N, C-alpha and C. Protein backbone atom coordinates (compact mmCIF):
# COMPACT_ATOMS: atom_id res chain seq x y z
N VAL A 1 1.68 2.31 -3.68
CA VAL A 1 0.32 2.41 -4.17
C VAL A 1 -0.57 2.72 -2.97
N ILE A 2 -1.37 3.75 -3.15
CA ILE A 2 -2.39 4.10 -2.16
C ILE A 2 -3.73 4.03 -2.89
N TYR A 3 -4.72 3.41 -2.27
CA TYR A 3 -6.00 3.24 -2.96
C TYR A 3 -7.14 3.23 -1.95
N THR A 4 -8.33 3.56 -2.44
CA THR A 4 -9.51 3.51 -1.60
C THR A 4 -10.10 2.10 -1.63
N ASP A 5 -10.96 1.82 -0.68
CA ASP A 5 -11.54 0.49 -0.59
C ASP A 5 -12.43 0.14 -1.77
N GLY A 6 -12.78 1.12 -2.58
CA GLY A 6 -13.57 0.85 -3.77
C GLY A 6 -12.84 -0.04 -4.76
N VAL A 7 -11.51 -0.05 -4.69
CA VAL A 7 -10.72 -0.91 -5.58
C VAL A 7 -10.90 -2.37 -5.17
N THR A 8 -10.59 -2.69 -3.94
CA THR A 8 -10.64 -4.08 -3.49
C THR A 8 -12.06 -4.58 -3.28
N GLU A 9 -13.01 -3.66 -3.08
CA GLU A 9 -14.40 -4.06 -2.85
C GLU A 9 -15.25 -4.00 -4.12
N ALA A 10 -14.63 -3.77 -5.28
CA ALA A 10 -15.38 -3.79 -6.54
C ALA A 10 -16.00 -5.18 -6.69
N MET A 11 -17.30 -5.21 -6.98
CA MET A 11 -18.04 -6.47 -6.99
C MET A 11 -18.27 -7.01 -8.40
N SER A 12 -18.21 -8.31 -8.49
CA SER A 12 -18.56 -8.99 -9.75
C SER A 12 -20.08 -9.17 -9.77
N PRO A 13 -20.62 -9.55 -10.90
CA PRO A 13 -22.07 -9.82 -10.97
C PRO A 13 -22.51 -10.94 -10.01
N THR A 14 -21.57 -11.78 -9.58
CA THR A 14 -21.89 -12.86 -8.63
C THR A 14 -21.56 -12.47 -7.20
N ASN A 15 -21.40 -11.16 -6.95
CA ASN A 15 -21.13 -10.61 -5.61
C ASN A 15 -19.80 -11.05 -5.00
N GLU A 16 -18.80 -11.24 -5.84
CA GLU A 16 -17.45 -11.55 -5.36
C GLU A 16 -16.63 -10.27 -5.43
N GLU A 17 -15.94 -9.92 -4.33
CA GLU A 17 -15.09 -8.74 -4.32
C GLU A 17 -13.84 -8.96 -5.17
N PHE A 18 -13.31 -7.87 -5.71
CA PHE A 18 -12.06 -7.92 -6.45
C PHE A 18 -10.95 -8.44 -5.53
N GLY A 19 -10.88 -7.90 -4.35
CA GLY A 19 -10.01 -8.43 -3.30
C GLY A 19 -8.57 -7.95 -3.30
N GLU A 20 -7.97 -8.07 -2.14
CA GLU A 20 -6.58 -7.67 -1.95
C GLU A 20 -5.60 -8.60 -2.66
N ASP A 21 -5.94 -9.88 -2.75
CA ASP A 21 -5.04 -10.83 -3.42
C ASP A 21 -4.88 -10.50 -4.90
N ARG A 22 -5.97 -10.18 -5.59
CA ARG A 22 -5.88 -9.79 -7.00
C ARG A 22 -5.10 -8.48 -7.13
N MET A 23 -5.41 -7.55 -6.24
CA MET A 23 -4.72 -6.25 -6.26
C MET A 23 -3.21 -6.45 -6.10
N MET A 24 -2.82 -7.25 -5.14
CA MET A 24 -1.40 -7.50 -4.88
C MET A 24 -0.74 -8.23 -6.04
N ALA A 25 -1.42 -9.20 -6.62
CA ALA A 25 -0.85 -9.96 -7.75
C ALA A 25 -0.57 -9.03 -8.93
N ILE A 26 -1.50 -8.14 -9.23
CA ILE A 26 -1.29 -7.20 -10.34
C ILE A 26 -0.18 -6.23 -10.00
N THR A 27 -0.12 -5.78 -8.76
CA THR A 27 0.92 -4.84 -8.32
C THR A 27 2.30 -5.47 -8.48
N VAL A 28 2.45 -6.70 -8.05
CA VAL A 28 3.73 -7.40 -8.16
C VAL A 28 4.07 -7.64 -9.64
N GLN A 29 3.08 -8.06 -10.41
CA GLN A 29 3.29 -8.32 -11.83
C GLN A 29 3.74 -7.07 -12.58
N CYS A 30 3.30 -5.91 -12.14
CA CYS A 30 3.59 -4.65 -12.84
C CYS A 30 4.71 -3.85 -12.20
N ALA A 31 5.47 -4.46 -11.30
CA ALA A 31 6.49 -3.73 -10.54
C ALA A 31 7.50 -2.99 -11.43
N ALA A 32 7.81 -3.54 -12.58
CA ALA A 32 8.81 -2.92 -13.46
C ALA A 32 8.18 -1.98 -14.49
N LYS A 33 6.86 -1.87 -14.48
CA LYS A 33 6.17 -1.02 -15.46
C LYS A 33 6.02 0.40 -14.95
N SER A 34 5.69 1.30 -15.85
CA SER A 34 5.43 2.68 -15.46
C SER A 34 4.10 2.75 -14.70
N SER A 35 3.90 3.84 -13.98
CA SER A 35 2.64 4.03 -13.27
C SER A 35 1.46 3.98 -14.23
N SER A 36 1.63 4.59 -15.37
CA SER A 36 0.56 4.62 -16.37
C SER A 36 0.19 3.22 -16.83
N GLU A 37 1.20 2.40 -17.12
CA GLU A 37 0.95 1.03 -17.56
C GLU A 37 0.29 0.22 -16.44
N TYR A 38 0.77 0.41 -15.22
CA TYR A 38 0.21 -0.28 -14.06
C TYR A 38 -1.26 0.09 -13.87
N LEU A 39 -1.55 1.39 -13.91
CA LEU A 39 -2.92 1.85 -13.71
C LEU A 39 -3.84 1.31 -14.80
N THR A 40 -3.37 1.29 -16.02
CA THR A 40 -4.17 0.76 -17.12
C THR A 40 -4.49 -0.70 -16.88
N GLN A 41 -3.49 -1.48 -16.51
CA GLN A 41 -3.71 -2.91 -16.28
C GLN A 41 -4.63 -3.13 -15.08
N LEU A 42 -4.45 -2.36 -14.01
CA LEU A 42 -5.28 -2.51 -12.82
C LEU A 42 -6.73 -2.13 -13.10
N VAL A 43 -6.94 -1.00 -13.73
CA VAL A 43 -8.30 -0.56 -14.03
C VAL A 43 -8.99 -1.54 -14.99
N ASN A 44 -8.27 -2.04 -15.98
CA ASN A 44 -8.84 -3.04 -16.89
C ASN A 44 -9.24 -4.30 -16.14
N ALA A 45 -8.42 -4.71 -15.17
CA ALA A 45 -8.74 -5.90 -14.38
C ALA A 45 -9.97 -5.66 -13.51
N ILE A 46 -10.08 -4.48 -12.91
CA ILE A 46 -11.25 -4.15 -12.09
C ILE A 46 -12.51 -4.15 -12.96
N GLN A 47 -12.42 -3.51 -14.12
CA GLN A 47 -13.58 -3.46 -15.02
C GLN A 47 -13.95 -4.85 -15.53
N GLY A 48 -12.96 -5.67 -15.83
CA GLY A 48 -13.23 -7.04 -16.26
C GLY A 48 -13.89 -7.86 -15.16
N HIS A 49 -13.48 -7.62 -13.93
CA HIS A 49 -14.05 -8.32 -12.79
C HIS A 49 -15.51 -7.90 -12.58
N ALA A 50 -15.75 -6.60 -12.63
CA ALA A 50 -17.10 -6.08 -12.38
C ALA A 50 -18.04 -6.33 -13.56
N GLN A 51 -17.46 -6.49 -14.74
CA GLN A 51 -18.22 -6.66 -15.98
C GLN A 51 -19.21 -5.51 -16.14
N LYS A 52 -20.48 -5.80 -16.25
CA LYS A 52 -21.46 -4.73 -16.47
C LYS A 52 -22.11 -4.27 -15.18
N ASP A 53 -21.67 -4.81 -14.05
CA ASP A 53 -22.24 -4.40 -12.77
C ASP A 53 -21.88 -2.94 -12.51
N GLU A 54 -22.79 -2.18 -11.95
CA GLU A 54 -22.51 -0.77 -11.71
C GLU A 54 -21.54 -0.58 -10.55
N GLN A 55 -20.80 0.50 -10.59
CA GLN A 55 -19.82 0.82 -9.57
C GLN A 55 -20.54 1.27 -8.31
N HIS A 56 -20.21 0.67 -7.17
CA HIS A 56 -20.91 0.96 -5.92
C HIS A 56 -20.13 1.91 -5.01
N ASP A 57 -18.89 2.15 -5.30
CA ASP A 57 -18.04 2.98 -4.44
C ASP A 57 -17.03 3.72 -5.31
N ASP A 58 -16.44 4.76 -4.71
CA ASP A 58 -15.42 5.48 -5.47
C ASP A 58 -14.18 4.60 -5.63
N ILE A 59 -13.46 4.85 -6.71
CA ILE A 59 -12.20 4.15 -6.96
C ILE A 59 -11.14 5.22 -7.16
N THR A 60 -10.22 5.28 -6.20
CA THR A 60 -9.11 6.23 -6.28
C THR A 60 -7.81 5.46 -6.11
N ILE A 61 -6.86 5.71 -6.99
CA ILE A 61 -5.57 5.03 -6.93
C ILE A 61 -4.47 6.06 -7.14
N VAL A 62 -3.49 6.07 -6.23
CA VAL A 62 -2.34 6.97 -6.35
C VAL A 62 -1.10 6.08 -6.39
N THR A 63 -0.23 6.33 -7.37
CA THR A 63 1.00 5.55 -7.44
C THR A 63 2.21 6.46 -7.34
N LEU A 64 3.26 5.92 -6.83
CA LEU A 64 4.54 6.62 -6.74
C LEU A 64 5.62 5.57 -6.95
N LYS A 65 6.48 5.82 -7.91
CA LYS A 65 7.55 4.87 -8.17
C LYS A 65 8.87 5.54 -7.82
N VAL A 66 9.61 4.89 -6.96
CA VAL A 66 10.92 5.39 -6.56
C VAL A 66 11.95 4.51 -7.26
N GLY A 67 12.81 5.14 -7.99
CA GLY A 67 13.75 4.32 -8.75
C GLY A 67 15.09 4.68 -8.43
C-alpha cells in the first residue's frame, strides 16, 4: 500500500487525525481481501472518521497484492 499523507492526516470534527494506527489496523484486517474490498473499507473508515468535516488534503491510495 502506498498512500499520501492525506489518508493518515484526515481530521475528525474534534481535530483528531485518522492516524497510522487506524490505517495499519485496517490494512492488516483486510490482508486476505481484494484491493477493491480493501479500498472500500479504508475509504469508508476515513469518511466515517471525518464525518461531515471537509477534506483538507488530497487522498491517494495505491494497492498492489502479490499472491
